[in-house]
């Protein structure tokens, strides 16, 4: 068999999602050699999307294939379009991980671009990933499936997946799940040997020095460090009731009103960064009818690419919004 080049992805399991498969060489593979199976798409392929790709005048982007099984990870619609064009081969990049990681890569690719997975398909994919990667954190799986960490937590609980002692987060760090047992160990160490330093206790119990400090503080107050404070639950309930009693907020201003207000702010108008920000925001202040007109006039062959670019822009703006909210006075 031809020695095809592999997709270059980091070997660390939790980093495999961040690999840039586009950096690997592209090879031509016969279409008859490829398999279509194990797709995260419950509803199957979209024939209209296949025809639109087949009618596009440009070369289709490379698909990603699992080398060991020759199964298409990302690009089933492009493969169908190539066959509809009567192409005998197609541009491919290979992925060398196991089948569980190949499925994760397929989900991530189909959430980020092309014809996006539906909500039901993403939830079904999340259930599979929770089973195959139970040591991944809820936030890490959420970043792959395009769901919230809360939804992943519900999927995990409903699936009754065996819990490992620790999980890998988005930052690659390993964190314990059940910290109460580690707190209990730290408490016993402090009672047996009060002269131990916080660092010694933290290292022996597998917790951070800050957690060890909190355990010691609660012991000094005569509290049990392994019992969660009921006051927190009470505060949450009181906050929920207060929100229910609060008057309904007024409707948020529309984009045009917001932009009219921002343009009058001298701190934005008379600084280079402020003017750049206003120009970027001004592009999005068009009416919904204008946006609808733009969408209707996008040529079929460019819709997938523009959808991908729009999703990337949306992610950038969401990151900007989160950073601004965190630093708002």
Protein backbone atom coordinates (compact mmCIF):
# COMPACT_ATOMS: atom_id res chain seq x y z
CA UNK A 1 0.00 0.00 0.00
CA UNK A 2 1.21 3.55 -0.69
CA UNK A 3 2.97 5.16 2.29
CA UNK A 4 0.60 8.07 2.77
CA UNK A 5 1.61 11.05 4.90
CA UNK A 6 -0.06 11.35 8.29
CA UNK A 7 -1.97 14.24 9.77
CA UNK A 8 0.38 15.94 12.20
CA UNK A 9 -1.34 15.87 15.58
CA UNK A 10 0.32 16.02 19.01
CA UNK A 11 0.69 12.66 20.72
CA UNK A 12 -0.73 13.80 24.07
CA UNK A 13 -4.31 12.59 24.14
CA UNK A 14 -5.82 15.82 25.41
CA UNK A 15 -3.89 17.85 22.84
CA UNK A 16 -5.04 15.84 19.83
CA UNK A 17 -7.94 18.25 19.27
CA UNK A 18 -5.60 21.18 18.79
CA UNK A 19 -3.48 19.59 16.08
CA UNK A 20 -3.34 21.49 12.81
CA UNK A 21 -4.17 18.82 10.28
CA UNK A 22 -3.83 21.38 7.52
CA UNK A 23 -0.04 21.43 8.04
CA UNK A 24 0.38 17.87 6.71
CA UNK A 25 1.07 16.99 3.07
CA UNK A 26 -1.89 16.18 0.87
CA UNK A 27 -2.00 12.92 -1.07
CA UNK A 28 -4.38 11.55 -3.73
CA UNK A 29 -6.29 8.39 -2.78
CA UNK A 30 -8.66 6.33 -4.96
CA UNK A 31 -12.26 7.01 -3.96
CA UNK A 32 -13.06 3.29 -4.08
CA UNK A 33 -10.50 2.67 -1.30
CA UNK A 34 -12.37 4.83 1.24
CA UNK A 35 -15.05 3.73 3.70
CA UNK A 36 -18.02 5.70 5.04
CA UNK A 37 -19.06 4.49 8.50
CA UNK A 38 -19.32 5.67 12.10
CA UNK A 39 -20.35 9.21 11.20
CA UNK A 40 -21.72 11.47 13.98
CA UNK A 41 -24.51 12.46 11.57
CA UNK A 42 -27.65 10.64 12.70
CA UNK A 43 -29.72 11.95 9.79
CA UNK A 44 -27.19 10.78 7.22
CA UNK A 45 -25.89 12.77 4.29
CA UNK A 46 -27.50 15.89 2.81
CA UNK A 47 -27.97 15.26 -0.92
CA UNK A 48 -28.57 18.93 -1.67
CA UNK A 49 -25.24 19.81 -0.05
CA UNK A 50 -23.54 17.04 -2.07
CA UNK A 51 -24.94 18.44 -5.33
CA UNK A 52 -23.87 21.98 -4.41
CA UNK A 53 -20.32 20.75 -3.79
CA UNK A 54 -20.31 18.75 -7.01
CA UNK A 55 -21.42 21.81 -8.99
CA UNK A 56 -18.74 24.04 -7.48
CA UNK A 57 -16.03 24.87 -10.06
CA UNK A 58 -13.15 24.79 -7.56
CA UNK A 59 -11.16 21.83 -6.30
CA UNK A 60 -12.71 20.40 -3.13
CA UNK A 61 -10.66 20.80 0.08
CA UNK A 62 -8.84 17.66 1.30
CA UNK A 63 -10.79 15.23 3.44
CA UNK A 64 -9.43 13.57 6.59
CA UNK A 65 -9.23 9.76 6.69
CA UNK A 66 -8.40 7.30 9.48
CA UNK A 67 -5.37 5.48 8.14
CA UNK A 68 -5.89 2.14 9.94
CA UNK A 69 -9.49 1.67 8.74
CA UNK A 70 -9.56 3.95 5.66
CA UNK A 71 -12.74 5.44 7.14
CA UNK A 72 -13.60 9.04 6.31
CA UNK A 73 -13.37 11.18 9.46
CA UNK A 74 -14.26 14.51 7.88
CA UNK A 75 -15.46 15.03 4.31
CA UNK A 76 -18.16 12.46 3.52
CA UNK A 77 -20.10 15.05 1.51
CA UNK A 78 -16.96 15.97 -0.42
CA UNK A 79 -16.32 12.28 -1.16
CA UNK A 80 -19.88 11.87 -2.47
CA UNK A 81 -19.47 15.02 -4.55
CA UNK A 82 -16.21 13.71 -6.01
CA UNK A 83 -17.94 10.48 -7.03
CA UNK A 84 -20.79 12.50 -8.53
CA UNK A 85 -18.14 14.32 -10.59
CA UNK A 86 -16.82 10.90 -11.70
CA UNK A 87 -13.47 11.57 -10.02
CA UNK A 88 -11.42 8.43 -9.48
CA UNK A 89 -9.35 9.90 -6.64
CA UNK A 90 -9.58 12.65 -4.02
CA UNK A 91 -7.22 14.80 -1.91
CA UNK A 92 -6.67 13.22 1.53
CA UNK A 93 -4.84 13.82 4.79
CA UNK A 94 -4.46 10.84 7.14
CA UNK A 95 -5.03 10.61 10.88
CA UNK A 96 -3.09 7.93 12.78
CA UNK A 97 -4.88 7.90 16.16
CA UNK A 98 -7.23 5.23 17.43
CA UNK A 99 -10.89 5.02 16.43
CA UNK A 100 -12.15 6.78 19.57
CA UNK A 101 -9.94 9.80 18.85
CA UNK A 102 -10.93 9.64 15.19
CA UNK A 103 -14.58 10.01 16.22
CA UNK A 104 -13.68 12.99 18.42
CA UNK A 105 -11.89 14.61 15.49
CA UNK A 106 -14.93 13.97 13.25
CA UNK A 107 -17.25 15.66 15.75
CA UNK A 108 -15.01 18.65 16.21
CA UNK A 109 -14.54 19.10 12.47
CA UNK A 110 -18.27 18.95 11.78
CA UNK A 111 -19.11 21.38 14.57
CA UNK A 112 -16.57 23.94 13.38
CA UNK A 113 -17.21 24.01 9.63
CA UNK A 114 -19.07 22.60 6.67
CA UNK A 115 -22.63 21.45 7.30
CA UNK A 116 -22.90 21.78 11.12
CA UNK A 117 -24.19 18.90 13.22
CA UNK A 118 -27.66 19.34 14.68
CA UNK A 119 -28.23 19.69 18.42
CA UNK A 120 -29.45 16.09 18.65
CA UNK A 121 -26.38 14.85 16.77
CA UNK A 122 -24.04 16.84 19.03
CA UNK A 123 -25.72 15.42 22.15
CA UNK A 124 -25.46 11.89 20.80
CA UNK A 125 -21.79 12.51 19.98
CA UNK A 126 -21.23 13.89 23.50
CA UNK A 127 -22.64 10.67 24.96
CA UNK A 128 -20.18 8.61 22.91
CA UNK A 129 -17.22 10.79 23.84
CA UNK A 130 -18.11 10.73 27.54
CA UNK A 131 -18.04 6.93 27.34
CA UNK A 132 -14.78 6.72 25.36
CA UNK A 133 -13.00 9.59 27.16
CA UNK A 134 -14.38 9.61 30.74
CA UNK A 135 -11.14 11.22 31.96
CA UNK A 136 -11.81 14.37 29.89
CA UNK A 137 -13.40 17.25 31.76
CA UNK A 138 -16.89 18.50 30.96
CA UNK A 139 -15.44 21.74 29.56
CA UNK A 140 -13.02 19.88 27.30
CA UNK A 141 -15.78 17.71 25.83
CA UNK A 142 -18.00 20.80 25.55
CA UNK A 143 -15.34 22.54 23.47
CA UNK A 144 -15.33 19.59 21.06
CA UNK A 145 -19.10 19.15 20.70
CA UNK A 146 -20.20 22.80 20.73
CA UNK A 147 -22.37 22.20 23.82
CA UNK A 148 -22.22 23.74 27.28
CA UNK A 149 -20.26 22.13 30.13
CA UNK A 150 -23.56 21.90 32.05
CA UNK A 151 -25.08 19.80 29.25
CA UNK A 152 -22.03 17.51 29.24
CA UNK A 153 -22.41 17.06 33.00
CA UNK A 154 -26.04 16.00 32.51
CA UNK A 155 -25.02 13.56 29.75
CA UNK A 156 -22.36 12.11 32.08
CA UNK A 157 -24.81 11.68 34.97
CA UNK A 158 -27.58 10.19 32.81
CA UNK A 159 -25.14 7.75 31.21
CA UNK A 160 -23.91 6.56 34.62
CA UNK A 161 -20.32 6.56 33.39
CA UNK A 162 -17.73 5.22 35.90
CA UNK A 163 -15.86 8.18 37.32
CA UNK A 164 -12.03 8.25 37.26
CA UNK A 165 -10.16 9.81 40.16
CA UNK A 166 -9.17 12.81 38.06
CA UNK A 167 -9.93 14.52 34.75
CA UNK A 168 -7.96 16.38 32.11
CA UNK A 169 -9.02 19.99 31.54
CA UNK A 170 -8.88 22.21 28.45
CA UNK A 171 -5.52 23.53 29.65
CA UNK A 172 -4.07 20.00 29.79
CA UNK A 173 -3.88 19.97 33.58
CA UNK A 174 -5.06 16.95 35.58
CA UNK A 175 -7.42 17.73 38.45
CA UNK A 176 -8.97 15.41 41.05
CA UNK A 177 -12.75 14.92 40.90
CA UNK A 178 -13.50 13.96 44.49
CA UNK A 179 -11.50 16.39 46.58
CA UNK A 180 -13.37 15.49 49.79
CA UNK A 181 -11.32 12.30 50.25
CA UNK A 182 -8.12 14.28 49.78
CA UNK A 183 -9.34 16.89 52.26
CA UNK A 184 -10.07 14.10 54.75
CA UNK A 185 -6.53 12.77 54.32
CA UNK A 186 -5.12 16.28 54.84
CA UNK A 187 -7.26 16.70 57.96
CA UNK A 188 -5.99 13.42 59.44
CA UNK A 189 -2.36 14.37 58.67
CA UNK A 190 -2.78 17.72 60.43
CA UNK A 191 -4.36 16.11 63.48
CA UNK A 192 -1.67 13.42 63.70
CA UNK A 193 1.22 15.86 63.21
CA UNK A 194 0.30 19.55 63.75
CA UNK A 195 3.90 20.58 62.98
CA UNK A 196 3.69 19.62 59.31
CA UNK A 197 3.90 22.57 56.94
CA UNK A 198 1.11 23.31 54.48
CA UNK A 199 3.35 22.26 51.58
CA UNK A 200 4.14 18.93 53.26
CA UNK A 201 0.45 18.24 53.86
CA UNK A 202 -0.48 19.32 50.32
CA UNK A 203 2.13 17.04 48.74
CA UNK A 204 1.15 14.04 50.88
CA UNK A 205 -2.60 14.50 50.30
CA UNK A 206 -2.38 15.42 46.62
CA UNK A 207 -3.96 18.86 47.03
CA UNK A 208 -2.78 22.42 46.49
CA UNK A 209 -1.21 24.45 49.34
CA UNK A 210 -4.23 26.80 49.18
CA UNK A 211 -6.60 23.88 49.77
CA UNK A 212 -4.41 22.71 52.65
CA UNK A 213 -4.59 26.23 54.11
CA UNK A 214 -8.40 26.16 53.86
CA UNK A 215 -8.51 22.76 55.60
CA UNK A 216 -6.35 24.06 58.47
CA UNK A 217 -8.46 27.20 58.80
CA UNK A 218 -11.67 25.17 59.11
CA UNK A 219 -10.05 22.85 61.66
CA UNK A 220 -9.02 25.86 63.73
CA UNK A 221 -12.63 27.10 63.66
CA UNK A 222 -13.83 23.68 64.84
CA UNK A 223 -15.47 22.83 61.49
CA UNK A 224 -15.26 19.59 59.50
CA UNK A 225 -13.30 20.34 56.29
CA UNK A 226 -14.98 17.41 54.49
CA UNK A 227 -18.54 18.70 54.97
CA UNK A 228 -19.86 21.19 52.47
CA UNK A 229 -21.28 24.32 54.03
CA UNK A 230 -25.09 24.24 53.93
CA UNK A 231 -25.10 28.02 53.86
CA UNK A 232 -23.98 27.92 50.22
CA UNK A 233 -27.09 25.95 49.25
CA UNK A 234 -29.22 28.36 51.22
CA UNK A 235 -27.63 31.35 49.49
CA UNK A 236 -28.23 29.82 46.06
CA UNK A 237 -31.90 29.24 46.88
CA UNK A 238 -32.28 32.77 48.28
CA UNK A 239 -30.67 34.19 45.13
CA UNK A 240 -33.00 32.14 42.93
CA UNK A 241 -36.07 33.35 44.82
CA UNK A 242 -34.87 36.97 44.66
CA UNK A 243 -34.41 36.68 40.90
CA UNK A 244 -37.93 35.26 40.57
CA UNK A 245 -39.35 38.23 42.51
CA UNK A 246 -37.32 40.79 40.60
CA UNK A 247 -39.11 42.82 37.91
CA UNK A 248 -38.59 41.73 34.34
CA UNK A 249 -35.74 43.63 32.66
CA UNK A 250 -36.51 46.10 29.91
CA UNK A 251 -35.86 44.93 26.34
CA UNK A 252 -32.25 45.32 25.29
CA UNK A 253 -31.53 48.10 22.77
CA UNK A 254 -31.06 47.02 19.17
CA UNK A 255 -27.76 47.14 17.30
CA UNK A 256 -28.52 50.49 15.65
CA UNK A 257 -29.27 52.16 19.00
CA UNK A 258 -26.13 50.73 20.56
CA UNK A 259 -23.96 51.96 17.69
CA UNK A 260 -25.56 55.43 17.82
CA UNK A 261 -24.62 55.64 21.50
CA UNK A 262 -21.08 54.33 21.02
CA UNK A 263 -20.34 56.80 18.22
CA UNK A 264 -20.96 59.68 20.65
CA UNK A 265 -18.38 58.41 23.13
CA UNK A 266 -15.27 60.64 22.76
CA UNK A 267 -12.98 58.05 24.39
CA UNK A 268 -13.75 55.77 21.44
CA UNK A 269 -13.96 58.37 18.66
CA UNK A 270 -10.60 60.04 19.44
CA UNK A 271 -8.40 56.96 19.85
CA UNK A 272 -7.07 54.70 17.12
CA UNK A 273 -8.16 51.51 18.91
CA UNK A 274 -11.59 53.00 19.60
CA UNK A 275 -12.12 53.96 15.96
CA UNK A 276 -11.02 50.48 14.84
CA UNK A 277 -13.50 48.90 17.22
CA UNK A 278 -16.31 51.18 16.02
CA UNK A 279 -15.57 50.29 12.39
CA UNK A 280 -15.68 46.57 13.17
CA UNK A 281 -18.94 46.88 15.11
CA UNK A 282 -20.48 49.10 12.46
CA UNK A 283 -20.29 46.25 9.94
CA UNK A 284 -22.62 44.18 12.13
CA UNK A 285 -25.18 46.96 12.66
CA UNK A 286 -26.99 46.20 9.41
CA UNK A 287 -30.68 45.34 9.58
CA UNK A 288 -31.85 41.72 9.63
CA UNK A 289 -33.36 42.19 6.16
CA UNK A 290 -29.99 43.30 4.80
CA UNK A 291 -28.30 40.25 6.34
CA UNK A 292 -30.97 37.99 4.84
CA UNK A 293 -30.37 39.54 1.42
CA UNK A 294 -26.63 38.90 1.71
CA UNK A 295 -27.22 35.26 2.68
CA UNK A 296 -29.61 34.65 -0.21
CA UNK A 297 -27.06 35.95 -2.72
CA UNK A 298 -24.12 33.81 -1.58
CA UNK A 299 -23.22 31.42 -4.44
CA UNK A 300 -23.79 27.75 -3.54
CA UNK A 301 -20.15 26.74 -3.92
CA UNK A 302 -19.03 29.37 -1.35
CA UNK A 303 -21.68 28.78 1.32
CA UNK A 304 -19.75 26.19 3.29
CA UNK A 305 -16.57 28.28 3.35
CA UNK A 306 -18.42 31.47 4.32
CA UNK A 307 -20.32 29.57 7.02
CA UNK A 308 -16.97 28.42 8.42
CA UNK A 309 -15.61 31.98 8.37
CA UNK A 310 -18.78 33.28 10.06
CA UNK A 311 -18.48 30.70 12.83
CA UNK A 312 -14.85 31.64 13.38
CA UNK A 313 -15.81 35.33 13.58
CA UNK A 314 -18.59 34.50 16.04
CA UNK A 315 -16.13 32.63 18.24
CA UNK A 316 -13.72 35.58 18.19
CA UNK A 317 -16.49 38.03 19.16
CA UNK A 318 -17.69 35.69 21.93
CA UNK A 319 -14.16 35.59 23.35
CA UNK A 320 -13.97 39.40 23.20
CA UNK A 321 -17.36 39.68 24.94
CA UNK A 322 -16.33 37.28 27.72
CA UNK A 323 -13.07 39.16 28.30
CA UNK A 324 -14.91 42.49 28.47
CA UNK A 325 -17.53 41.12 30.87
CA UNK A 326 -14.84 39.74 33.18
CA UNK A 327 -13.06 43.11 33.37
CA UNK A 328 -16.17 45.33 33.46
CA UNK A 329 -16.38 47.53 36.61
